[in-house]
């Protein structure tokens, strides 16, 4: 029997808090973070698309913003998925420390998660995946040194 498809709640507006366990929680975390990365991925490059952000509060009901800045988009969306929140926090940290590359860091982290999701589906332990990622970073540093 094929596995049941997981549709996580990524945005706060999709309903109240819930509890997920085991494999279901892991898949929801992957899907949520990858969805956020895919959201800002389309803003990259010279042909990057603009996003329309509309405020949802009573006070700012008619405020509409057009932007292709990943940091602005990530700060503006209410997120309820824990892994997606970490992705947004990573982007905010990049903005605070460097001032640029916020979209790139979110997209890069999303791609790492996309690859890790495939490896976990093959029953490879998460610590083994992390060791492989770290080993590859060290190898690349040595080659470029």
Protein backbone atom coordinates (compact mmCIF):
# COMPACT_ATOMS: atom_id res chain seq x y z
CA UNK A 1 0.00 0.00 0.00
CA UNK A 2 1.50 3.40 -0.95
CA UNK A 3 2.25 5.82 1.90
CA UNK A 4 -0.42 8.36 2.75
CA UNK A 5 0.35 11.81 1.34
CA UNK A 6 1.18 14.38 4.01
CA UNK A 7 -0.21 17.88 3.61
CA UNK A 8 1.23 19.98 6.44
CA UNK A 9 -0.13 23.23 7.80
CA UNK A 10 2.53 25.76 6.85
CA UNK A 11 0.74 29.05 7.39
CA UNK A 12 -0.97 30.07 10.60
CA UNK A 13 -4.23 30.84 8.80
CA UNK A 14 -4.74 27.18 7.89
CA UNK A 15 -6.08 26.19 11.30
CA UNK A 16 -5.05 25.82 14.90
CA UNK A 17 -2.08 24.07 16.39
CA UNK A 18 -1.81 20.33 16.14
CA UNK A 19 0.48 17.52 17.12
CA UNK A 20 2.23 15.19 14.71
CA UNK A 21 4.40 12.20 15.57
CA UNK A 22 7.02 10.02 13.98
CA UNK A 23 7.37 9.77 10.24
CA UNK A 24 4.37 12.01 9.71
CA UNK A 25 6.04 14.86 11.64
CA UNK A 26 9.31 14.39 9.77
CA UNK A 27 7.60 14.55 6.39
CA UNK A 28 5.57 17.60 7.43
CA UNK A 29 8.78 19.37 8.47
CA UNK A 30 10.45 18.61 5.13
CA UNK A 31 7.45 19.70 3.10
CA UNK A 32 6.98 22.93 5.07
CA UNK A 33 10.59 24.07 4.78
CA UNK A 34 10.87 23.10 1.11
CA UNK A 35 7.64 24.99 0.36
CA UNK A 36 9.07 28.16 1.90
CA UNK A 37 12.30 27.75 -0.08
CA UNK A 38 10.33 27.24 -3.28
CA UNK A 39 8.28 30.35 -2.53
CA UNK A 40 11.34 32.62 -2.63
CA UNK A 41 13.25 30.63 -5.27
CA UNK A 42 11.20 32.22 -8.03
CA UNK A 43 12.48 35.69 -7.05
CA UNK A 44 16.13 34.88 -7.82
CA UNK A 45 18.05 36.14 -10.82
CA UNK A 46 17.47 38.77 -13.48
CA UNK A 47 14.20 37.13 -14.53
CA UNK A 48 13.00 36.70 -10.95
CA UNK A 49 9.31 37.25 -10.40
CA UNK A 50 7.79 39.84 -8.09
CA UNK A 51 5.42 38.76 -5.35
CA UNK A 52 2.33 40.64 -4.23
CA UNK A 53 2.01 40.87 -0.45
CA UNK A 54 -1.30 41.97 1.03
CA UNK A 55 -1.56 42.73 4.72
CA UNK A 56 -4.24 40.85 6.66
CA UNK A 57 -4.72 42.96 9.79
CA UNK A 58 -7.64 45.31 10.47
CA UNK A 59 -5.33 48.33 10.66
CA UNK A 60 -3.45 47.63 7.41
CA UNK A 61 -6.33 46.11 5.48
CA UNK A 62 -5.58 47.84 2.18
CA UNK A 63 -1.78 47.78 2.26
CA UNK A 64 -0.35 46.00 -0.79
CA UNK A 65 3.37 45.58 -1.49
CA UNK A 66 5.13 44.38 -4.63
CA UNK A 67 8.60 42.93 -4.02
CA UNK A 68 11.11 40.40 -5.22
CA UNK A 69 13.22 40.67 -2.06
CA UNK A 70 13.35 37.29 -0.32
CA UNK A 71 13.94 38.84 3.11
CA UNK A 72 10.82 41.02 2.81
CA UNK A 73 8.72 38.07 1.67
CA UNK A 74 9.95 35.78 4.45
CA UNK A 75 9.38 38.44 7.13
CA UNK A 76 5.86 39.07 5.85
CA UNK A 77 4.37 35.58 5.79
CA UNK A 78 2.99 34.06 9.01
CA UNK A 79 4.50 30.58 9.37
CA UNK A 80 3.35 27.79 11.69
CA UNK A 81 5.69 24.99 10.57
CA UNK A 82 8.74 24.63 12.87
CA UNK A 83 11.20 23.69 10.12
CA UNK A 84 9.97 26.53 7.91
CA UNK A 85 10.45 28.94 10.85
CA UNK A 86 14.07 27.81 11.13
CA UNK A 87 14.53 28.53 7.43
CA UNK A 88 13.10 32.04 7.92
CA UNK A 89 15.33 32.58 10.99
CA UNK A 90 18.37 31.50 8.95
CA UNK A 91 17.46 34.09 6.35
CA UNK A 92 17.01 36.79 9.02
CA UNK A 93 20.41 35.93 10.51
CA UNK A 94 22.02 36.17 7.07
CA UNK A 95 20.42 39.61 6.63
CA UNK A 96 21.64 40.81 10.05
CA UNK A 97 25.18 39.49 9.67
CA UNK A 98 25.88 40.11 5.97
CA UNK A 99 23.02 42.21 4.66
CA UNK A 100 22.61 40.18 1.47
CA UNK A 101 22.03 36.61 0.33
CA UNK A 102 18.83 36.04 2.29
CA UNK A 103 17.03 34.36 -0.61
CA UNK A 104 20.09 32.33 -1.55
CA UNK A 105 20.54 30.93 1.96
CA UNK A 106 16.84 29.94 2.11
CA UNK A 107 16.99 28.27 -1.31
CA UNK A 108 20.27 26.48 -0.50
CA UNK A 109 18.88 25.14 2.78
CA UNK A 110 15.73 24.05 0.96
CA UNK A 111 17.78 22.11 -1.58
CA UNK A 112 19.77 20.40 1.20
CA UNK A 113 16.47 19.37 2.77
CA UNK A 114 15.10 18.16 -0.57
CA UNK A 115 18.14 15.88 -0.98
CA UNK A 116 18.00 14.74 2.65
CA UNK A 117 14.32 13.86 2.24
CA UNK A 118 15.18 11.51 -0.63
CA UNK A 119 17.97 9.88 1.39
CA UNK A 120 15.72 9.40 4.42
CA UNK A 121 13.12 7.80 2.15
CA UNK A 122 15.87 5.25 1.34
CA UNK A 123 16.16 4.56 5.10
CA UNK A 124 19.53 6.30 5.55
CA UNK A 125 19.97 7.57 9.10
CA UNK A 126 19.85 11.40 9.49
CA UNK A 127 23.24 11.50 11.27
CA UNK A 128 24.81 9.65 8.34
CA UNK A 129 23.36 12.24 5.96
CA UNK A 130 24.72 15.11 8.08
CA UNK A 131 28.18 13.50 8.20
CA UNK A 132 28.08 13.18 4.41
CA UNK A 133 27.13 16.85 3.96
CA UNK A 134 29.90 17.98 6.35
CA UNK A 135 32.48 15.71 4.68
CA UNK A 136 31.62 17.20 1.29
CA UNK A 137 32.00 20.76 2.62
CA UNK A 138 35.42 19.90 4.05
CA UNK A 139 36.44 18.28 0.78
CA UNK A 140 35.41 21.36 -1.21
CA UNK A 141 37.30 23.66 1.16
CA UNK A 142 40.46 21.59 0.71
CA UNK A 143 40.11 21.64 -3.08
CA UNK A 144 39.64 25.40 -3.17
CA UNK A 145 42.38 26.21 -0.69
